[in-house]
PDB file of all heavy atoms in Angstrom:
ATOM      1  N   THR A   1     -37.446 -31.726   0.171  1.00  0.00           N
ATOM      2  CA  THR A   1     -38.049 -31.271   1.429  1.00  0.00           C
ATOM      3  C   THR A   1     -37.104 -30.437   2.305  1.00  0.00           C
ATOM      4  O   THR A   1     -37.547 -29.864   3.286  1.00  0.00           O
ATOM      5  CB  THR A   1     -38.537 -32.470   2.246  1.00  0.00           C
ATOM      6  OG1 THR A   1     -37.419 -33.364   2.503  1.00  0.00           O
ATOM      7  CG2 THR A   1     -39.616 -33.208   1.537  1.00  0.00           C
ATOM      8  N   GLY A   2     -35.829 -30.443   1.966  1.00  0.00           N
ATOM      9  CA  GLY A   2     -34.870 -29.658   2.784  1.00  0.00           C
ATOM     10  C   GLY A   2     -34.863 -28.208   2.350  1.00  0.00           C
ATOM     11  O   GLY A   2     -35.353 -27.848   1.324  1.00  0.00           O
ATOM     12  N   PRO A   3     -34.176 -27.311   3.108  1.00  0.00           N
ATOM     13  CA  PRO A   3     -33.996 -25.926   2.716  1.00  0.00           C
ATOM     14  C   PRO A   3     -33.196 -25.849   1.430  1.00  0.00           C
ATOM     15  O   PRO A   3     -32.478 -26.787   1.012  1.00  0.00           O
ATOM     16  CB  PRO A   3     -33.196 -25.350   3.888  1.00  0.00           C
ATOM     17  CG  PRO A   3     -33.515 -26.237   5.043  1.00  0.00           C
ATOM     18  CD  PRO A   3     -33.663 -27.626   4.501  1.00  0.00           C
ATOM     19  N   GLY A   4     -33.239 -24.718   0.719  1.00  0.00           N
ATOM     20  CA  GLY A   4     -32.688 -24.637  -0.595  1.00  0.00           C
ATOM     21  C   GLY A   4     -31.310 -24.063  -0.750  1.00  0.00           C
ATOM     22  O   GLY A   4     -30.731 -24.178  -1.802  1.00  0.00           O
ATOM     23  N   SER A   5     -30.776 -23.419   0.286  1.00  0.00           N
ATOM     24  CA  SER A   5     -29.496 -22.711   0.117  1.00  0.00           C
ATOM     25  C   SER A   5     -28.395 -23.221   1.069  1.00  0.00           C
ATOM     26  O   SER A   5     -28.642 -23.290   2.264  1.00  0.00           O
ATOM     27  CB  SER A   5     -29.658 -21.192   0.275  1.00  0.00           C
ATOM     28  OG  SER A   5     -28.502 -20.491  -0.006  1.00  0.00           O
ATOM     29  N   PRO A   6     -27.239 -23.586   0.519  1.00  0.00           N
ATOM     30  CA  PRO A   6     -26.839 -23.695  -0.915  1.00  0.00           C
ATOM     31  C   PRO A   6     -27.319 -24.998  -1.552  1.00  0.00           C
ATOM     32  O   PRO A   6     -27.684 -25.925  -0.829  1.00  0.00           O
ATOM     33  CB  PRO A   6     -25.346 -23.601  -0.843  1.00  0.00           C
ATOM     34  CG  PRO A   6     -24.983 -24.276   0.453  1.00  0.00           C
ATOM     35  CD  PRO A   6     -26.095 -23.872   1.422  1.00  0.00           C
ATOM     36  N   SER A   7     -27.329 -25.035  -2.843  1.00  0.00           N
ATOM     37  CA  SER A   7     -27.737 -26.265  -3.586  1.00  0.00           C
ATOM     38  C   SER A   7     -26.829 -27.420  -3.260  1.00  0.00           C
ATOM     39  O   SER A   7     -25.641 -27.344  -3.459  1.00  0.00           O
ATOM     40  CB  SER A   7     -27.756 -25.974  -5.049  1.00  0.00           C
ATOM     41  OG  SER A   7     -27.910 -27.171  -5.802  1.00  0.00           O
ATOM     42  N   GLY A   8     -27.430 -28.525  -2.793  1.00  0.00           N
ATOM     43  CA  GLY A   8     -26.624 -29.690  -2.483  1.00  0.00           C
ATOM     44  C   GLY A   8     -26.072 -30.384  -3.716  1.00  0.00           C
ATOM     45  O   GLY A   8     -24.953 -30.898  -3.717  1.00  0.00           O
ATOM     46  N   HIS A   9     -26.877 -30.398  -4.790  1.00  0.00           N
ATOM     47  CA  HIS A   9     -26.439 -31.013  -6.034  1.00  0.00           C
ATOM     48  C   HIS A   9     -25.257 -30.252  -6.666  1.00  0.00           C
ATOM     49  O   HIS A   9     -24.265 -30.824  -7.116  1.00  0.00           O
ATOM     50  CB  HIS A   9     -27.565 -31.095  -7.017  1.00  0.00           C
ATOM     51  CG  HIS A   9     -28.568 -32.188  -6.697  1.00  0.00           C
ATOM     52  ND1 HIS A   9     -29.509 -32.064  -5.726  1.00  0.00           N
ATOM     53  CD2 HIS A   9     -28.763 -33.432  -7.283  1.00  0.00           C
ATOM     54  CE1 HIS A   9     -30.245 -33.159  -5.684  1.00  0.00           C
ATOM     55  NE2 HIS A   9     -29.806 -34.014  -6.604  1.00  0.00           N
ATOM     56  N   ALA A  10     -25.400 -28.914  -6.644  1.00  0.00           N
ATOM     57  CA  ALA A  10     -24.297 -28.055  -7.203  1.00  0.00           C
ATOM     58  C   ALA A  10     -23.039 -28.201  -6.346  1.00  0.00           C
ATOM     59  O   ALA A  10     -21.930 -28.309  -6.862  1.00  0.00           O
ATOM     60  CB  ALA A  10     -24.771 -26.630  -7.288  1.00  0.00           C
ATOM     61  N   MET A  11     -23.211 -28.190  -5.032  1.00  0.00           N
ATOM     62  CA  MET A  11     -22.076 -28.283  -4.116  1.00  0.00           C
ATOM     63  C   MET A  11     -21.412 -29.639  -4.239  1.00  0.00           C
ATOM     64  O   MET A  11     -20.152 -29.754  -4.287  1.00  0.00           O
ATOM     65  CB  MET A  11     -22.523 -27.990  -2.689  1.00  0.00           C
ATOM     66  CG  MET A  11     -21.404 -27.848  -1.708  1.00  0.00           C
ATOM     67  SD  MET A  11     -22.012 -27.203  -0.146  1.00  0.00           S
ATOM     68  CE  MET A  11     -20.489 -27.319   0.866  1.00  0.00           C
ATOM     69  N   GLY A  12     -22.205 -30.715  -4.244  1.00  0.00           N
ATOM     70  CA  GLY A  12     -21.645 -32.043  -4.368  1.00  0.00           C
ATOM     71  C   GLY A  12     -20.949 -32.276  -5.689  1.00  0.00           C
ATOM     72  O   GLY A  12     -19.868 -32.875  -5.767  1.00  0.00           O
ATOM     73  N   SER A  13     -21.555 -31.757  -6.773  1.00  0.00           N
ATOM     74  CA  SER A  13     -20.945 -31.920  -8.110  1.00  0.00           C
ATOM     75  C   SER A  13     -19.611 -31.178  -8.171  1.00  0.00           C
ATOM     76  O   SER A  13     -18.593 -31.741  -8.680  1.00  0.00           O
ATOM     77  CB  SER A  13     -21.897 -31.366  -9.152  1.00  0.00           C
ATOM     78  OG  SER A  13     -21.315 -31.345 -10.435  1.00  0.00           O
ATOM     79  N   SER A  14     -19.578 -29.950  -7.712  1.00  0.00           N
ATOM     80  CA  SER A  14     -18.271 -29.193  -7.760  1.00  0.00           C
ATOM     81  C   SER A  14     -17.239 -29.784  -6.888  1.00  0.00           C
ATOM     82  O   SER A  14     -16.044 -29.798  -7.201  1.00  0.00           O
ATOM     83  CB  SER A  14     -18.495 -27.726  -7.430  1.00  0.00           C
ATOM     84  OG  SER A  14     -18.984 -27.591  -6.078  1.00  0.00           O
ATOM     85  N   CYS A  15     -17.654 -30.306  -5.710  1.00  0.00           N
ATOM     86  CA  CYS A  15     -16.677 -31.014  -4.839  1.00  0.00           C
ATOM     87  C   CYS A  15     -16.029 -32.139  -5.509  1.00  0.00           C
ATOM     88  O   CYS A  15     -14.783 -32.250  -5.587  1.00  0.00           O
ATOM     89  CB  CYS A  15     -17.476 -31.576  -3.596  1.00  0.00           C
ATOM     90  SG  CYS A  15     -17.236 -30.642  -2.090  1.00  0.00           S
ATOM     91  N   VAL A  16     -16.829 -33.076  -6.042  1.00  0.00           N
ATOM     92  CA  VAL A  16     -16.280 -34.298  -6.660  1.00  0.00           C
ATOM     93  C   VAL A  16     -15.501 -34.078  -7.897  1.00  0.00           C
ATOM     94  O   VAL A  16     -14.389 -34.544  -8.076  1.00  0.00           O
ATOM     95  CB  VAL A  16     -17.462 -35.291  -6.928  1.00  0.00           C
ATOM     96  CG1 VAL A  16     -16.959 -36.476  -7.731  1.00  0.00           C
ATOM     97  CG2 VAL A  16     -18.071 -35.765  -5.634  1.00  0.00           C
ATOM     98  N   TRP A  17     -16.067 -33.188  -8.791  1.00  0.00           N
ATOM     99  CA  TRP A  17     -15.335 -32.958 -10.035  1.00  0.00           C
ATOM    100  C   TRP A  17     -14.068 -32.134  -9.817  1.00  0.00           C
ATOM    101  O   TRP A  17     -13.098 -32.293 -10.573  1.00  0.00           O
ATOM    102  CB  TRP A  17     -16.286 -32.257 -11.033  1.00  0.00           C
ATOM    103  CG  TRP A  17     -17.191 -33.179 -11.693  1.00  0.00           C
ATOM    104  CD1 TRP A  17     -18.495 -33.478 -11.327  1.00  0.00           C
ATOM    105  CD2 TRP A  17     -16.925 -34.062 -12.814  1.00  0.00           C
ATOM    106  NE1 TRP A  17     -19.046 -34.477 -12.172  1.00  0.00           N
ATOM    107  CE2 TRP A  17     -18.083 -34.828 -13.097  1.00  0.00           C
ATOM    108  CE3 TRP A  17     -15.762 -34.254 -13.601  1.00  0.00           C
ATOM    109  CZ2 TRP A  17     -18.149 -35.741 -14.106  1.00  0.00           C
ATOM    110  CZ3 TRP A  17     -15.814 -35.167 -14.601  1.00  0.00           C
ATOM    111  CH2 TRP A  17     -16.990 -35.929 -14.868  1.00  0.00           C
ATOM    112  N   TYR A  18     -14.051 -31.250  -8.824  1.00  0.00           N
ATOM    113  CA  TYR A  18     -12.823 -30.519  -8.553  1.00  0.00           C
ATOM    114  C   TYR A  18     -11.720 -31.457  -8.131  1.00  0.00           C
ATOM    115  O   TYR A  18     -10.561 -31.310  -8.561  1.00  0.00           O
ATOM    116  CB  TYR A  18     -13.119 -29.474  -7.456  1.00  0.00           C
ATOM    117  CG  TYR A  18     -11.952 -28.577  -7.165  1.00  0.00           C
ATOM    118  CD1 TYR A  18     -11.789 -27.388  -7.869  1.00  0.00           C
ATOM    119  CD2 TYR A  18     -11.032 -28.872  -6.195  1.00  0.00           C
ATOM    120  CE1 TYR A  18     -10.716 -26.512  -7.591  1.00  0.00           C
ATOM    121  CE2 TYR A  18      -9.966 -28.047  -5.908  1.00  0.00           C
ATOM    122  CZ  TYR A  18      -9.816 -26.874  -6.624  1.00  0.00           C
ATOM    123  OH  TYR A  18      -8.742 -26.031  -6.348  1.00  0.00           O
ATOM    124  N   VAL A  19     -12.057 -32.416  -7.267  1.00  0.00           N
ATOM    125  CA  VAL A  19     -11.054 -33.350  -6.847  1.00  0.00           C
ATOM    126  C   VAL A  19     -10.518 -34.182  -8.011  1.00  0.00           C
ATOM    127  O   VAL A  19      -9.336 -34.441  -8.172  1.00  0.00           O
ATOM    128  CB  VAL A  19     -11.637 -34.312  -5.752  1.00  0.00           C
ATOM    129  CG1 VAL A  19     -10.694 -35.442  -5.430  1.00  0.00           C
ATOM    130  CG2 VAL A  19     -11.934 -33.508  -4.490  1.00  0.00           C
ATOM    131  N   MET A  20     -11.461 -34.656  -8.896  1.00  0.00           N
ATOM    132  CA  MET A  20     -11.038 -35.496 -10.051  1.00  0.00           C
ATOM    133  C   MET A  20     -10.137 -34.685 -11.008  1.00  0.00           C
ATOM    134  O   MET A  20      -9.137 -35.210 -11.512  1.00  0.00           O
ATOM    135  CB  MET A  20     -12.260 -36.078 -10.725  1.00  0.00           C
ATOM    136  CG  MET A  20     -12.984 -37.116  -9.949  1.00  0.00           C
ATOM    137  SD  MET A  20     -14.138 -38.064 -10.927  1.00  0.00           S
ATOM    138  CE  MET A  20     -15.360 -36.825 -11.261  1.00  0.00           C
ATOM    139  N   VAL A  21     -10.521 -33.440 -11.259  1.00  0.00           N
ATOM    140  CA  VAL A  21      -9.737 -32.655 -12.197  1.00  0.00           C
ATOM    141  C   VAL A  21      -8.353 -32.343 -11.657  1.00  0.00           C
ATOM    142  O   VAL A  21      -7.345 -32.481 -12.319  1.00  0.00           O
ATOM    143  CB  VAL A  21     -10.487 -31.335 -12.565  1.00  0.00           C
ATOM    144  CG1 VAL A  21      -9.550 -30.367 -13.310  1.00  0.00           C
ATOM    145  CG2 VAL A  21     -11.708 -31.640 -13.359  1.00  0.00           C
ATOM    146  N   THR A  22      -8.287 -31.886 -10.432  1.00  0.00           N
ATOM    147  CA  THR A  22      -6.956 -31.550  -9.819  1.00  0.00           C
ATOM    148  C   THR A  22      -6.144 -32.810  -9.654  1.00  0.00           C
ATOM    149  O   THR A  22      -4.874 -32.692  -9.807  1.00  0.00           O
ATOM    150  CB  THR A  22      -7.177 -30.882  -8.458  1.00  0.00           C
ATOM    151  OG1 THR A  22      -8.006 -31.663  -7.602  1.00  0.00           O
ATOM    152  CG2 THR A  22      -7.757 -29.497  -8.630  1.00  0.00           C
ATOM    153  N   ALA A  23      -6.731 -33.977  -9.373  1.00  0.00           N
ATOM    154  CA  ALA A  23      -5.957 -35.167  -9.265  1.00  0.00           C
ATOM    155  C   ALA A  23      -5.385 -35.605 -10.622  1.00  0.00           C
ATOM    156  O   ALA A  23      -4.194 -35.996 -10.710  1.00  0.00           O
ATOM    157  CB  ALA A  23      -6.837 -36.297  -8.747  1.00  0.00           C
ATOM    158  N   ALA A  24      -6.158 -35.440 -11.695  1.00  0.00           N
ATOM    159  CA  ALA A  24      -5.679 -35.781 -13.047  1.00  0.00           C
ATOM    160  C   ALA A  24      -4.553 -34.781 -13.450  1.00  0.00           C
ATOM    161  O   ALA A  24      -3.547 -35.236 -14.042  1.00  0.00           O
ATOM    162  CB  ALA A  24      -6.828 -35.662 -14.059  1.00  0.00           C
ATOM    163  N   LEU A  25      -4.707 -33.545 -13.101  1.00  0.00           N
ATOM    164  CA  LEU A  25      -3.677 -32.526 -13.485  1.00  0.00           C
ATOM    165  C   LEU A  25      -2.394 -32.696 -12.699  1.00  0.00           C
ATOM    166  O   LEU A  25      -1.281 -32.275 -13.141  1.00  0.00           O
ATOM    167  CB  LEU A  25      -4.230 -31.144 -13.345  1.00  0.00           C
ATOM    168  CG  LEU A  25      -5.301 -30.737 -14.307  1.00  0.00           C
ATOM    169  CD1 LEU A  25      -5.856 -29.368 -13.995  1.00  0.00           C
ATOM    170  CD2 LEU A  25      -4.788 -30.767 -15.749  1.00  0.00           C
ATOM    171  N   SER A  26      -2.486 -33.275 -11.505  1.00  0.00           N
ATOM    172  CA  SER A  26      -1.274 -33.465 -10.683  1.00  0.00           C
ATOM    173  C   SER A  26      -0.279 -34.417 -11.310  1.00  0.00           C
ATOM    174  O   SER A  26       0.905 -34.394 -11.057  1.00  0.00           O
ATOM    175  CB  SER A  26      -1.678 -34.004  -9.276  1.00  0.00           C
ATOM    176  OG  SER A  26      -2.215 -35.270  -9.379  1.00  0.00           O
ATOM    177  N   TYR A  27      -0.781 -35.312 -12.200  1.00  0.00           N
ATOM    178  CA  TYR A  27       0.102 -36.202 -12.934  1.00  0.00           C
ATOM    179  C   TYR A  27       0.834 -35.517 -14.102  1.00  0.00           C
ATOM    180  O   TYR A  27       1.955 -35.800 -14.383  1.00  0.00           O
ATOM    181  CB  TYR A  27      -0.665 -37.414 -13.451  1.00  0.00           C
ATOM    182  CG  TYR A  27      -1.132 -38.370 -12.363  1.00  0.00           C
ATOM    183  CD1 TYR A  27      -2.432 -38.353 -11.866  1.00  0.00           C
ATOM    184  CD2 TYR A  27      -0.246 -39.272 -11.773  1.00  0.00           C
ATOM    185  CE1 TYR A  27      -2.885 -39.165 -10.896  1.00  0.00           C
ATOM    186  CE2 TYR A  27      -0.677 -40.151 -10.755  1.00  0.00           C
ATOM    187  CZ  TYR A  27      -1.968 -40.071 -10.340  1.00  0.00           C
ATOM    188  OH  TYR A  27      -2.386 -40.938  -9.318  1.00  0.00           O
ATOM    189  N   THR A  28       0.136 -34.609 -14.747  1.00  0.00           N
ATOM    190  CA  THR A  28       0.712 -33.945 -15.904  1.00  0.00           C
ATOM    191  C   THR A  28       1.612 -32.779 -15.562  1.00  0.00           C
ATOM    192  O   THR A  28       2.512 -32.352 -16.308  1.00  0.00           O
ATOM    193  CB  THR A  28      -0.386 -33.428 -16.845  1.00  0.00           C
ATOM    194  OG1 THR A  28      -1.163 -32.430 -16.165  1.00  0.00           O
ATOM    195  CG2 THR A  28      -1.298 -34.574 -17.267  1.00  0.00           C
ATOM    196  N   VAL A  29       1.462 -32.181 -14.348  1.00  0.00           N
ATOM    197  CA  VAL A  29       2.237 -31.023 -13.966  1.00  0.00           C
ATOM    198  C   VAL A  29       3.723 -31.372 -13.745  1.00  0.00           C
ATOM    199  O   VAL A  29       4.567 -30.480 -13.797  1.00  0.00           O
ATOM    200  CB  VAL A  29       1.640 -30.348 -12.649  1.00  0.00           C
ATOM    201  CG1 VAL A  29       2.010 -31.163 -11.471  1.00  0.00           C
ATOM    202  CG2 VAL A  29       2.095 -28.954 -12.529  1.00  0.00           C
ATOM    203  N   ARG A  30       4.040 -32.660 -13.551  1.00  0.00           N
ATOM    204  CA  ARG A  30       5.422 -33.069 -13.357  1.00  0.00           C
ATOM    205  C   ARG A  30       6.241 -33.131 -14.629  1.00  0.00           C
ATOM    206  O   ARG A  30       7.450 -33.296 -14.570  1.00  0.00           O
ATOM    207  CB  ARG A  30       5.419 -34.405 -12.683  1.00  0.00           C
ATOM    208  CG  ARG A  30       4.698 -34.465 -11.326  1.00  0.00           C
ATOM    209  CD  ARG A  30       4.465 -35.899 -10.880  1.00  0.00           C
ATOM    210  NE  ARG A  30       3.513 -35.909  -9.756  1.00  0.00           N
ATOM    211  CZ  ARG A  30       2.925 -37.053  -9.277  1.00  0.00           C
ATOM    212  NH1 ARG A  30       3.132 -38.178  -9.897  1.00  0.00           N
ATOM    213  NH2 ARG A  30       2.149 -37.000  -8.243  1.00  0.00           N
ATOM    214  N   TRP A  31       5.580 -33.115 -15.783  1.00  0.00           N
ATOM    215  CA  TRP A  31       6.281 -33.211 -17.037  1.00  0.00           C
ATOM    216  C   TRP A  31       7.096 -31.957 -17.271  1.00  0.00           C
ATOM    217  O   TRP A  31       6.671 -30.843 -17.001  1.00  0.00           O
ATOM    218  CB  TRP A  31       5.299 -33.389 -18.192  1.00  0.00           C
ATOM    219  CG  TRP A  31       4.453 -34.618 -18.057  1.00  0.00           C
ATOM    220  CD1 TRP A  31       4.723 -35.717 -17.286  1.00  0.00           C
ATOM    221  CD2 TRP A  31       3.205 -34.872 -18.653  1.00  0.00           C
ATOM    222  NE1 TRP A  31       3.708 -36.635 -17.375  1.00  0.00           N
ATOM    223  CE2 TRP A  31       2.744 -36.142 -18.267  1.00  0.00           C
ATOM    224  CE3 TRP A  31       2.394 -34.127 -19.550  1.00  0.00           C
ATOM    225  CZ2 TRP A  31       1.580 -36.720 -18.676  1.00  0.00           C
ATOM    226  CZ3 TRP A  31       1.236 -34.727 -20.024  1.00  0.00           C
ATOM    227  CH2 TRP A  31       0.820 -35.967 -19.574  1.00  0.00           C
ATOM    228  N   LYS A  32       8.377 -32.147 -17.758  1.00  0.00           N
ATOM    229  CA  LYS A  32       9.329 -31.080 -17.829  1.00  0.00           C
ATOM    230  C   LYS A  32       9.618 -30.595 -19.253  1.00  0.00           C
ATOM    231  O   LYS A  32       9.857 -29.393 -19.471  1.00  0.00           O
ATOM    232  CB  LYS A  32      10.654 -31.471 -17.169  1.00  0.00           C
ATOM    233  CG  LYS A  32      10.550 -31.860 -15.672  1.00  0.00           C
ATOM    234  CD  LYS A  32      10.044 -30.695 -14.833  1.00  0.00           C
ATOM    235  CE  LYS A  32       9.958 -31.103 -13.314  1.00  0.00           C
ATOM    236  NZ  LYS A  32       9.438 -29.947 -12.528  1.00  0.00           N
TER     237      LYS A  32
END
């Protein structure tokens, strides 16, 4: 029932997954 732009599902998905991916990579970036 809400307006359509921008997509809440797409925005929420990219938000959460971006945080998880960057958090996981922050552990591996320290390897020398």
